[in-house]
Amino acid sequence: VQLQASGGGLVQPGGSLKLSCLVSGTGFSINVMGWYRQAPGKKRELVATITNVGAINYADSVKGRFTISRDIAKNTVALQMNSLKPEDTSVYYCKAESWSGLVYWGKGTLVTVSS
């Protein structure tokens, strides 16, 4: 099973980025997909998750700025990030969880918000 995240980079405060994650190599149905982030010296934290029926959960810090979406047929999940702030600077990780509770993580993609 592989999770390949892409779309990270350097952006100025107030700018936008879109992250994408492709899950491949699975022989099972994925229940929840999501994005987490980890800044230097901090714990990994939830950014947003989406279930296979479209139930969405956002961290309070990103509500109204980030939008998670999912293509179940293609096993992809995306995170549109708008109005980015310096405190959004982190490594962003894609996560997939099966119905049986198996959890897979991608390697992460770096997002840097700086002028």
Protein backbone atom coordinates (compact mmCIF):
# COMPACT_ATOMS: atom_id res chain seq x y z
CA VAL A 1 0.00 0.00 0.00
CA GLN A 2 1.35 3.40 -0.98
CA LEU A 3 0.12 6.88 -0.27
CA GLN A 4 1.66 9.47 -2.55
CA ALA A 5 1.14 13.07 -1.54
CA SER A 6 1.95 16.03 -3.72
CA GLY A 7 1.35 19.76 -3.98
CA GLY A 8 3.44 21.15 -1.16
CA GLY A 9 5.72 24.13 -1.58
CA LEU A 10 6.48 27.68 -0.61
CA VAL A 11 3.66 30.22 -0.59
CA GLN A 12 3.25 33.72 0.74
CA PRO A 13 0.85 34.48 3.58
CA GLY A 14 -2.66 34.78 2.22
CA GLY A 15 -1.88 32.48 -0.66
CA SER A 16 -3.29 29.10 -1.64
CA LEU A 17 -2.05 25.60 -2.25
CA LYS A 18 -3.76 22.34 -3.10
CA LEU A 19 -2.48 19.04 -1.78
CA SER A 20 -3.37 15.74 -3.39
CA CYS A 21 -2.92 12.17 -2.22
CA LEU A 22 -3.27 8.97 -4.19
CA VAL A 23 -3.69 5.64 -2.44
CA SER A 24 -2.57 2.65 -4.44
CA GLY A 25 -2.02 -1.02 -3.90
CA THR A 26 -4.97 -1.66 -1.64
CA GLY A 27 -7.18 -4.71 -1.81
CA PHE A 28 -9.67 -3.28 0.63
CA SER A 29 -12.16 -0.47 0.84
CA ILE A 30 -11.00 2.69 2.52
CA ASN A 31 -13.30 4.19 5.12
CA VAL A 32 -11.65 7.40 6.23
CA MET A 33 -9.07 9.52 4.45
CA GLY A 34 -7.53 12.60 5.85
CA TRP A 35 -4.74 15.07 6.28
CA TYR A 36 -2.59 15.63 9.32
CA ARG A 37 0.33 17.97 9.86
CA GLN A 38 3.37 18.18 12.04
CA ALA A 39 5.38 21.33 12.63
CA PRO A 40 8.96 21.18 13.96
CA GLY A 41 8.98 20.36 17.64
CA LYS A 42 5.25 19.73 17.76
CA LYS A 43 2.99 16.70 17.76
CA ARG A 44 1.23 15.55 14.64
CA GLU A 45 -2.25 17.02 14.55
CA LEU A 46 -5.43 16.46 12.61
CA VAL A 47 -6.18 18.91 9.81
CA ALA A 48 -9.22 17.35 8.16
CA THR A 49 -10.83 13.97 7.56
CA ILE A 50 -13.54 12.70 5.26
CA THR A 51 -15.38 9.38 5.39
CA ASN A 52 -16.62 7.31 2.49
CA VAL A 53 -20.07 8.83 2.88
CA GLY A 54 -18.72 12.36 2.91
CA ALA A 55 -18.77 13.17 6.60
CA ILE A 56 -16.11 15.82 7.16
CA ASN A 57 -14.23 16.98 10.21
CA TYR A 58 -11.91 19.99 10.35
CA ALA A 59 -9.54 21.26 12.97
CA ASP A 60 -10.81 24.56 14.37
CA SER A 61 -7.65 26.28 13.18
CA VAL A 62 -8.42 25.59 9.51
CA LYS A 63 -12.22 25.88 9.40
CA GLY A 64 -13.34 28.29 6.71
CA ARG A 65 -9.93 28.26 5.02
CA PHE A 66 -9.29 24.63 4.07
CA THR A 67 -11.52 22.29 2.10
CA ILE A 68 -11.09 18.52 1.94
CA SER A 69 -12.51 16.49 -0.92
CA ARG A 70 -12.35 12.91 -2.03
CA ASP A 71 -12.74 10.81 -5.17
CA ILE A 72 -13.66 7.35 -3.94
CA ALA A 73 -13.40 5.70 -7.34
CA LYS A 74 -9.88 7.02 -7.82
CA ASN A 75 -8.77 6.55 -4.19
CA THR A 76 -7.66 10.15 -3.96
CA VAL A 77 -8.10 12.86 -1.39
CA ALA A 78 -7.33 16.54 -1.82
CA LEU A 79 -6.90 19.49 0.50
CA GLN A 80 -7.50 22.98 -0.84
CA MET A 81 -5.77 25.45 1.44
CA ASN A 82 -6.67 29.12 1.16
CA SER A 83 -5.73 32.17 3.19
CA LEU A 84 -2.61 30.42 4.37
CA LYS A 85 -0.86 31.69 7.48
CA PRO A 86 2.73 31.27 8.66
CA GLU A 87 1.44 28.98 11.41
CA ASP A 88 0.20 26.58 8.74
CA THR A 89 3.83 25.78 7.95
CA SER A 90 4.22 22.05 8.52
CA VAL A 91 4.82 18.73 6.91
CA TYR A 92 1.41 17.51 5.77
CA TYR A 93 0.66 13.81 5.85
CA CYS A 94 -2.03 11.88 4.08
CA LYS A 95 -3.74 9.07 5.99
CA ALA A 96 -6.01 6.24 4.92
CA GLU A 97 -7.92 3.93 7.23
CA SER A 98 -9.72 0.76 6.24
CA TRP A 99 -12.98 -0.50 7.64
CA SER A 100 -11.04 -3.07 9.66
CA GLY A 101 -8.92 -0.38 11.25
CA LEU A 102 -5.75 -0.71 9.21
CA VAL A 103 -4.00 2.66 9.00
CA TYR A 104 -1.59 3.83 6.34
CA TRP A 105 0.41 7.04 6.17
CA GLY A 106 2.08 8.83 3.33
CA LYS A 107 5.59 10.23 3.60
CA GLY A 108 4.48 13.82 3.89
CA THR A 109 4.79 16.96 1.84
CA LEU A 110 6.24 20.21 3.16
CA VAL A 111 4.17 23.38 3.13
CA THR A 112 6.01 26.58 3.96
CA VAL A 113 4.11 29.84 4.37
CA SER A 114 6.52 32.74 4.41
CA SER A 115 7.08 36.10 2.82
